[in-house]
Each structure stands twice: as C-alpha cells, then as structure tokens.
C-alpha cells in the first residue's frame, strides 16, 4: 500500500530532541483528524521510542536518530531508527519491567507503553548496527 503522505526527519540523539520529535510526529498525524486521546497515544509512543534510541542505542554518545512518518487513508506508520548498540535479545527487551540499565532507575516499560498506545509495534535490531522501531496506528475519526 502506498502512503498518501510521507516525511523524514533526522536529529541528534540529545534528550532535548525527544520533545521535538514528539511534536513533529503529532503535527504530521494531525492531518488524519485524530481524537485528542489518539494524538496523545502517538506522542507517548514516539517519546518512548526516541528515548530508547537515546538511552539504549547511543548510550553516552551522540548519534543520529531518523524518524519517518507515513500517512495512509486512515492510519499512520512511524519508524524510529538509530545506528547504535542494537538489541541482543528483542523478545527479552520487550518483556514488561525488563531493563538493561537498572543503575539508571529505568522502569523497563518502554516497549510495553508503546504496545499499549499503538495498534502494533515492530522491532528490528542487530547488535552493533542499530534498532528500528515501527509504530502503527489506525484512527477512528480518519476519513469522516
């Protein structure tokens, strides 16, 4: 299926850019006339994915995070990628309360939060090469 609209954004893996990415994704998604709750869901999921890329992907160094948003008739696909550390065991990483950074007081709920707010979450990763998190959401109000 071909997207109706698409945009790509690259930014440094600085924590100050997490809010920027969230706002950009929300602005893009607003074209589908989402409810306030649906918009909040997207913002939260994007925030979690970008935060994971900053904290786990690049750890204590600066790298590039890429966000690609694709709009379809009634849905959106948001892809957030880094070229950082990658994930050794995706299944384990997606378990609620699992964290690879307990010393940072991380809750281990990032993927669980993403899955609860989006219709589907896909994770592709290769250790040493990076991670791509793809978020999917269909909007109840789209096309009305």
N, C-alpha and C. Protein backbone atom coordinates (compact mmCIF):
# COMPACT_ATOMS: atom_id res chain seq x y z
N UNK A 1 0.84 -1.18 0.00
CA UNK A 1 0.00 0.00 0.00
C UNK A 1 0.89 1.25 0.00
N UNK A 2 0.60 2.16 -0.88
CA UNK A 2 1.37 3.39 -1.00
C UNK A 2 0.89 4.43 0.00
N UNK A 3 1.82 5.14 0.64
CA UNK A 3 1.40 6.20 1.56
C UNK A 3 0.78 7.38 0.81
N UNK A 4 -0.14 8.05 1.48
CA UNK A 4 -0.76 9.27 0.95
C UNK A 4 0.20 10.44 1.14
N UNK A 5 0.98 10.38 2.22
CA UNK A 5 1.94 11.43 2.54
C UNK A 5 3.07 10.81 3.34
N UNK A 6 4.24 11.44 3.30
CA UNK A 6 5.39 10.89 4.00
C UNK A 6 6.35 12.02 4.35
N UNK A 7 7.03 11.89 5.48
CA UNK A 7 8.07 12.85 5.84
C UNK A 7 9.19 12.13 6.58
N UNK A 8 10.38 12.72 6.51
CA UNK A 8 11.56 12.14 7.16
C UNK A 8 12.28 13.24 7.92
N UNK A 9 12.71 12.90 9.12
CA UNK A 9 13.40 13.85 9.99
C UNK A 9 14.61 13.15 10.60
N UNK A 10 15.75 13.82 10.58
CA UNK A 10 16.94 13.31 11.25
C UNK A 10 17.36 14.32 12.30
N UNK A 11 17.73 13.82 13.49
CA UNK A 11 18.12 14.71 14.57
C UNK A 11 19.14 14.01 15.47
N UNK A 12 19.89 14.79 16.22
CA UNK A 12 20.89 14.25 17.13
C UNK A 12 20.23 13.58 18.32
N UNK A 13 20.89 12.58 18.84
CA UNK A 13 20.35 11.80 19.96
C UNK A 13 20.58 12.53 21.29
N UNK A 14 20.05 13.73 21.37
CA UNK A 14 20.09 14.53 22.59
C UNK A 14 18.71 14.49 23.22
N UNK A 15 18.66 14.43 24.54
CA UNK A 15 17.36 14.31 25.21
C UNK A 15 16.45 15.49 24.90
N UNK A 16 17.01 16.66 24.61
CA UNK A 16 16.19 17.83 24.27
C UNK A 16 15.43 17.62 22.96
N UNK A 17 15.88 16.72 22.10
CA UNK A 17 15.21 16.47 20.83
C UNK A 17 14.05 15.49 20.94
N UNK A 18 13.90 14.83 22.07
CA UNK A 18 12.78 13.90 22.27
C UNK A 18 11.46 14.65 22.16
N UNK A 19 11.34 15.79 22.83
CA UNK A 19 10.10 16.58 22.78
C UNK A 19 9.85 17.10 21.36
N UNK A 20 10.92 17.49 20.68
CA UNK A 20 10.81 17.97 19.30
C UNK A 20 10.23 16.89 18.39
N UNK A 21 10.77 15.67 18.50
CA UNK A 21 10.28 14.55 17.68
C UNK A 21 8.81 14.27 17.97
N UNK A 22 8.45 14.32 19.22
CA UNK A 22 7.06 14.07 19.63
C UNK A 22 6.12 15.09 19.01
N UNK A 23 6.51 16.36 19.03
CA UNK A 23 5.68 17.43 18.47
C UNK A 23 5.57 17.29 16.95
N UNK A 24 6.68 16.98 16.28
CA UNK A 24 6.67 16.83 14.82
C UNK A 24 5.75 15.67 14.43
N UNK A 25 5.87 14.53 15.12
CA UNK A 25 5.00 13.38 14.82
C UNK A 25 3.54 13.74 15.03
N UNK A 26 3.25 14.44 16.11
CA UNK A 26 1.86 14.84 16.39
C UNK A 26 1.32 15.78 15.31
N UNK A 27 2.15 16.71 14.85
CA UNK A 27 1.73 17.62 13.80
C UNK A 27 1.44 16.87 12.50
N UNK A 28 2.29 15.91 12.18
CA UNK A 28 2.09 15.11 10.97
C UNK A 28 0.80 14.29 11.07
N UNK A 29 0.60 13.65 12.20
CA UNK A 29 -0.57 12.80 12.42
C UNK A 29 -1.87 13.61 12.45
N UNK A 30 -1.79 14.88 12.83
CA UNK A 30 -2.99 15.70 12.96
C UNK A 30 -3.73 15.85 11.63
N UNK A 31 -3.06 15.57 10.52
CA UNK A 31 -3.71 15.61 9.20
C UNK A 31 -4.84 14.58 9.09
N UNK A 32 -4.78 13.55 9.93
CA UNK A 32 -5.80 12.49 9.91
C UNK A 32 -6.95 12.78 10.87
N UNK A 33 -6.97 13.96 11.45
CA UNK A 33 -8.01 14.39 12.36
C UNK A 33 -8.23 13.41 13.52
N UNK A 34 -7.15 13.08 14.25
CA UNK A 34 -7.29 12.14 15.36
C UNK A 34 -8.01 12.78 16.54
N UNK A 35 -8.52 11.94 17.41
CA UNK A 35 -9.08 12.45 18.66
C UNK A 35 -7.91 12.93 19.52
N UNK A 36 -8.20 13.69 20.55
CA UNK A 36 -7.14 14.15 21.46
C UNK A 36 -6.45 12.96 22.10
N UNK A 37 -7.23 11.94 22.44
CA UNK A 37 -6.66 10.73 23.04
C UNK A 37 -5.73 10.00 22.07
N UNK A 38 -6.15 9.87 20.82
CA UNK A 38 -5.31 9.21 19.81
C UNK A 38 -4.01 9.97 19.60
N UNK A 39 -4.10 11.29 19.58
CA UNK A 39 -2.92 12.12 19.40
C UNK A 39 -1.97 11.95 20.60
N UNK A 40 -2.51 11.91 21.79
CA UNK A 40 -1.70 11.70 22.99
C UNK A 40 -1.04 10.32 22.95
N UNK A 41 -1.75 9.32 22.45
CA UNK A 41 -1.18 7.97 22.32
C UNK A 41 0.05 7.98 21.42
N UNK A 42 -0.05 8.65 20.28
CA UNK A 42 1.06 8.73 19.34
C UNK A 42 2.24 9.47 19.97
N UNK A 43 1.96 10.60 20.59
CA UNK A 43 3.03 11.38 21.23
C UNK A 43 3.77 10.54 22.27
N UNK A 44 3.02 9.81 23.08
CA UNK A 44 3.63 8.99 24.14
C UNK A 44 4.49 7.88 23.54
N UNK A 45 3.98 7.18 22.54
CA UNK A 45 4.72 6.08 21.92
C UNK A 45 6.00 6.59 21.24
N UNK A 46 5.90 7.70 20.53
CA UNK A 46 7.08 8.29 19.88
C UNK A 46 8.10 8.70 20.93
N UNK A 47 7.63 9.29 22.00
CA UNK A 47 8.52 9.70 23.09
C UNK A 47 9.30 8.51 23.64
N UNK A 48 8.62 7.40 23.86
CA UNK A 48 9.27 6.19 24.38
C UNK A 48 10.29 5.63 23.40
N UNK A 49 9.93 5.59 22.12
CA UNK A 49 10.85 5.05 21.11
C UNK A 49 12.10 5.91 20.96
N UNK A 50 11.92 7.23 20.95
CA UNK A 50 13.07 8.13 20.82
C UNK A 50 13.94 8.05 22.08
N UNK A 51 13.31 8.01 23.24
CA UNK A 51 14.07 7.90 24.49
C UNK A 51 14.89 6.61 24.51
N UNK A 52 14.31 5.51 24.04
CA UNK A 52 15.06 4.25 23.96
C UNK A 52 16.28 4.39 23.06
N UNK A 53 16.11 5.05 21.92
CA UNK A 53 17.24 5.24 20.99
C UNK A 53 18.34 6.07 21.65
N UNK A 54 17.96 7.10 22.38
CA UNK A 54 18.94 7.97 23.03
C UNK A 54 19.67 7.21 24.14
N UNK A 55 18.91 6.58 25.03
CA UNK A 55 19.50 5.96 26.22
C UNK A 55 20.17 4.62 25.92
N UNK A 56 19.48 3.77 25.17
CA UNK A 56 20.00 2.42 24.93
C UNK A 56 20.78 2.30 23.63
N UNK A 57 20.34 3.00 22.60
CA UNK A 57 21.01 2.91 21.31
C UNK A 57 22.38 3.56 21.33
N UNK A 58 22.40 4.81 21.75
CA UNK A 58 23.65 5.55 21.70
C UNK A 58 24.35 5.67 23.05
N UNK A 59 23.68 5.24 24.10
CA UNK A 59 24.25 5.27 25.45
C UNK A 59 24.86 6.64 25.75
N UNK A 60 26.15 6.75 25.92
CA UNK A 60 26.75 8.03 26.31
C UNK A 60 27.41 8.77 25.16
N UNK A 61 26.92 8.55 23.94
CA UNK A 61 27.50 9.27 22.80
C UNK A 61 26.37 9.83 21.93
N UNK A 62 26.72 10.75 21.08
CA UNK A 62 25.75 11.40 20.21
C UNK A 62 25.76 10.71 18.85
N UNK A 63 24.58 10.40 18.37
CA UNK A 63 24.42 9.80 17.05
C UNK A 63 23.19 10.40 16.37
N UNK A 64 22.81 9.84 15.26
CA UNK A 64 21.65 10.33 14.50
C UNK A 64 20.47 9.39 14.72
N UNK A 65 19.32 10.00 14.99
CA UNK A 65 18.05 9.27 15.05
C UNK A 65 17.25 9.71 13.84
N UNK A 66 16.67 8.76 13.14
CA UNK A 66 15.85 9.05 11.97
C UNK A 66 14.41 8.68 12.27
N UNK A 67 13.50 9.60 11.97
CA UNK A 67 12.07 9.33 12.14
C UNK A 67 11.40 9.52 10.78
N UNK A 68 10.73 8.47 10.32
CA UNK A 68 9.98 8.52 9.07
C UNK A 68 8.52 8.30 9.42
N UNK A 69 7.67 9.22 8.99
CA UNK A 69 6.22 9.10 9.22
C UNK A 69 5.54 8.91 7.87
N UNK A 70 4.69 7.90 7.80
CA UNK A 70 3.93 7.63 6.58
C UNK A 70 2.45 7.65 6.91
N UNK A 71 1.72 8.43 6.15
CA UNK A 71 0.28 8.55 6.35
C UNK A 71 -0.43 7.74 5.27
N UNK A 72 -1.41 6.96 5.70
CA UNK A 72 -2.28 6.21 4.79
C UNK A 72 -3.68 6.78 4.94
N UNK A 73 -4.67 6.19 4.30
CA UNK A 73 -6.02 6.75 4.34
C UNK A 73 -6.52 6.99 5.76
N UNK A 74 -6.39 5.99 6.62
CA UNK A 74 -6.92 6.10 7.99
C UNK A 74 -5.89 5.71 9.04
N UNK A 75 -4.64 5.63 8.65
CA UNK A 75 -3.63 5.15 9.60
C UNK A 75 -2.29 5.83 9.38
N UNK A 76 -1.41 5.59 10.31
CA UNK A 76 -0.07 6.14 10.24
C UNK A 76 0.93 5.06 10.65
N UNK A 77 2.11 5.16 10.05
CA UNK A 77 3.24 4.29 10.39
C UNK A 77 4.39 5.23 10.72
N UNK A 78 4.97 5.05 11.90
CA UNK A 78 6.08 5.90 12.33
C UNK A 78 7.27 5.00 12.63
N UNK A 79 8.35 5.25 11.92
CA UNK A 79 9.56 4.43 12.04
C UNK A 79 10.65 5.28 12.70
N UNK A 80 11.19 4.78 13.81
CA UNK A 80 12.24 5.48 14.53
C UNK A 80 13.47 4.58 14.56
N UNK A 81 14.57 5.08 13.97
CA UNK A 81 15.77 4.26 13.80
C UNK A 81 17.00 4.93 14.39
N UNK A 82 17.89 4.08 14.88
CA UNK A 82 19.21 4.56 15.30
C UNK A 82 20.26 3.60 14.73
N UNK A 83 21.49 4.03 14.76
CA UNK A 83 22.60 3.19 14.31
C UNK A 83 23.51 2.92 15.49
N UNK A 84 22.89 2.65 16.62
CA UNK A 84 23.61 2.48 17.88
C UNK A 84 23.91 1.04 18.22
N UNK A 85 23.81 0.74 19.51
CA UNK A 85 24.26 -0.54 20.06
C UNK A 85 23.46 -1.74 19.58
N UNK A 86 22.20 -1.54 19.24
CA UNK A 86 21.35 -2.67 18.86
C UNK A 86 20.88 -3.45 20.08
N UNK A 87 20.00 -4.40 19.85
CA UNK A 87 19.42 -5.20 20.93
C UNK A 87 19.82 -6.65 20.72
N UNK A 88 20.41 -7.23 21.73
CA UNK A 88 20.85 -8.62 21.67
C UNK A 88 19.67 -9.58 21.59
N UNK A 89 18.67 -9.39 22.46
CA UNK A 89 17.51 -10.28 22.55
C UNK A 89 16.24 -9.43 22.56
N UNK A 90 15.62 -9.25 21.39
CA UNK A 90 14.44 -8.40 21.26
C UNK A 90 13.29 -8.91 22.12
N UNK A 91 13.06 -10.20 22.11
CA UNK A 91 11.95 -10.77 22.90
C UNK A 91 12.11 -10.43 24.38
N UNK A 92 13.32 -10.58 24.90
CA UNK A 92 13.57 -10.25 26.30
C UNK A 92 13.40 -8.75 26.54
N UNK A 93 13.92 -7.93 25.63
CA UNK A 93 13.84 -6.48 25.78
C UNK A 93 12.40 -5.98 25.81
N UNK A 94 11.50 -6.72 25.15
CA UNK A 94 10.10 -6.30 25.09
C UNK A 94 9.27 -6.80 26.28
N UNK A 95 9.88 -7.53 27.17
CA UNK A 95 9.17 -8.01 28.36
C UNK A 95 8.95 -6.86 29.33
N UNK A 96 7.73 -6.75 29.90
CA UNK A 96 7.48 -5.70 30.89
C UNK A 96 8.47 -5.80 32.05
N UNK A 97 8.95 -4.65 32.47
CA UNK A 97 9.87 -4.49 33.60
C UNK A 97 11.31 -4.89 33.31
N UNK A 98 11.60 -5.41 32.10
CA UNK A 98 12.99 -5.72 31.77
C UNK A 98 13.72 -4.42 31.44
N UNK A 99 14.89 -4.22 32.02
CA UNK A 99 15.73 -3.08 31.67
C UNK A 99 17.18 -3.51 31.63
N UNK A 100 17.88 -2.99 30.65
CA UNK A 100 19.31 -3.26 30.57
C UNK A 100 20.10 -2.19 31.33
N UNK A 101 19.39 -1.22 31.90
CA UNK A 101 20.03 -0.12 32.61
C UNK A 101 19.41 0.08 34.00
N UNK A 102 19.43 -0.93 34.87
CA UNK A 102 18.81 -0.76 36.20
C UNK A 102 19.50 0.31 37.03
N UNK A 103 20.79 0.55 36.78
CA UNK A 103 21.52 1.57 37.52
C UNK A 103 21.00 2.99 37.22
N UNK A 104 20.28 3.14 36.10
CA UNK A 104 19.72 4.44 35.74
C UNK A 104 18.28 4.57 36.22
N UNK A 105 17.83 3.61 37.00
CA UNK A 105 16.46 3.59 37.51
C UNK A 105 15.44 3.63 36.37
N UNK A 106 15.72 2.88 35.31
CA UNK A 106 14.78 2.75 34.19
C UNK A 106 13.69 1.77 34.59
N UNK A 107 12.47 2.02 34.17
CA UNK A 107 11.35 1.17 34.59
C UNK A 107 11.22 -0.10 33.77
N UNK A 108 11.80 -0.13 32.57
CA UNK A 108 11.67 -1.30 31.73
C UNK A 108 10.29 -1.43 31.11
N UNK A 109 9.60 -0.32 30.97
CA UNK A 109 8.23 -0.35 30.44
C UNK A 109 8.09 0.32 29.08
N UNK A 110 9.19 0.74 28.46
CA UNK A 110 9.13 1.47 27.19
C UNK A 110 8.37 0.74 26.10
N UNK A 111 8.73 -0.50 25.81
CA UNK A 111 8.03 -1.24 24.75
C UNK A 111 6.60 -1.55 25.15
N UNK A 112 6.37 -1.83 26.43
CA UNK A 112 5.02 -2.11 26.92
C UNK A 112 4.13 -0.88 26.73
N UNK A 113 4.67 0.29 27.03
CA UNK A 113 3.92 1.54 26.83
C UNK A 113 3.61 1.73 25.34
N UNK A 114 4.61 1.53 24.49
CA UNK A 114 4.39 1.67 23.04
C UNK A 114 3.28 0.73 22.57
N UNK A 115 3.34 -0.53 23.02
CA UNK A 115 2.34 -1.52 22.60
C UNK A 115 0.96 -1.19 23.13
N UNK A 116 0.86 -0.57 24.29
CA UNK A 116 -0.46 -0.26 24.84
C UNK A 116 -1.11 0.93 24.14
N UNK A 117 -0.31 1.81 23.55
CA UNK A 117 -0.87 3.00 22.91
C UNK A 117 -1.00 2.90 21.40
N UNK A 118 -0.33 1.92 20.80
CA UNK A 118 -0.38 1.77 19.35
C UNK A 118 -1.07 0.46 19.00
N UNK A 119 -1.52 0.33 17.75
CA UNK A 119 -2.18 -0.90 17.32
C UNK A 119 -1.17 -2.03 17.13
N UNK A 120 0.05 -1.67 16.72
CA UNK A 120 1.09 -2.67 16.51
C UNK A 120 2.46 -2.00 16.64
N UNK A 121 3.41 -2.75 17.18
CA UNK A 121 4.79 -2.28 17.30
C UNK A 121 5.69 -3.39 16.76
N UNK A 122 6.58 -3.02 15.84
CA UNK A 122 7.56 -3.98 15.32
C UNK A 122 8.95 -3.47 15.65
N UNK A 123 9.81 -4.40 16.04
CA UNK A 123 11.18 -4.03 16.38
C UNK A 123 12.14 -4.89 15.58
N UNK A 124 13.06 -4.23 14.87
CA UNK A 124 14.14 -4.91 14.16
C UNK A 124 15.44 -4.36 14.72
N UNK A 125 16.38 -5.25 15.00
CA UNK A 125 17.63 -4.79 15.58
C UNK A 125 18.75 -5.78 15.29
N UNK A 126 19.95 -5.24 15.22
CA UNK A 126 21.13 -6.06 15.04
C UNK A 126 22.22 -5.48 15.95
N UNK A 127 22.73 -6.29 16.87
CA UNK A 127 23.78 -5.79 17.76
C UNK A 127 24.92 -5.13 16.99
N UNK A 128 25.27 -3.93 17.44
CA UNK A 128 26.34 -3.18 16.82
C UNK A 128 25.93 -2.38 15.60
N UNK A 129 24.70 -2.57 15.12
CA UNK A 129 24.25 -1.88 13.91
C UNK A 129 23.05 -0.98 14.12
N UNK A 130 22.33 -1.18 15.22
CA UNK A 130 21.20 -0.29 15.50
C UNK A 130 19.87 -0.98 15.57
N UNK A 131 18.85 -0.16 15.79
CA UNK A 131 17.48 -0.64 16.02
C UNK A 131 16.49 0.23 15.25
N UNK A 132 15.45 -0.40 14.74
CA UNK A 132 14.33 0.31 14.13
C UNK A 132 13.05 -0.14 14.82
N UNK A 133 12.33 0.82 15.35
CA UNK A 133 11.02 0.57 15.97
C UNK A 133 9.97 1.17 15.04
N UNK A 134 9.00 0.36 14.63
CA UNK A 134 7.94 0.84 13.76
C UNK A 134 6.62 0.77 14.51
N UNK A 135 5.96 1.92 14.59
CA UNK A 135 4.70 2.07 15.31
C UNK A 135 3.57 2.22 14.30
N UNK A 136 2.47 1.51 14.52
CA UNK A 136 1.31 1.57 13.62
C UNK A 136 0.08 1.98 14.42
N UNK A 137 -0.73 2.87 13.83
CA UNK A 137 -1.98 3.27 14.49
C UNK A 137 -3.01 3.62 13.43
N UNK A 138 -4.24 3.10 13.61
CA UNK A 138 -5.37 3.44 12.78
C UNK A 138 -6.26 4.38 13.58
N UNK A 139 -6.78 5.41 12.94
CA UNK A 139 -7.57 6.43 13.64
C UNK A 139 -9.05 6.26 13.38
N UNK A 140 -9.81 6.32 14.43
CA UNK A 140 -11.27 6.12 14.35
C UNK A 140 -11.94 7.27 13.60
N UNK A 141 -11.38 8.47 13.70
CA UNK A 141 -12.02 9.63 13.10
C UNK A 141 -11.58 9.89 11.66
N UNK A 142 -10.55 9.18 11.20
CA UNK A 142 -10.00 9.46 9.86
C UNK A 142 -11.03 9.19 8.78
N UNK A 143 -11.06 10.09 7.83
CA UNK A 143 -11.93 9.91 6.68
C UNK A 143 -13.38 10.29 6.91
N UNK A 144 -13.71 10.83 8.08
CA UNK A 144 -15.10 11.23 8.36
C UNK A 144 -15.37 12.62 7.86
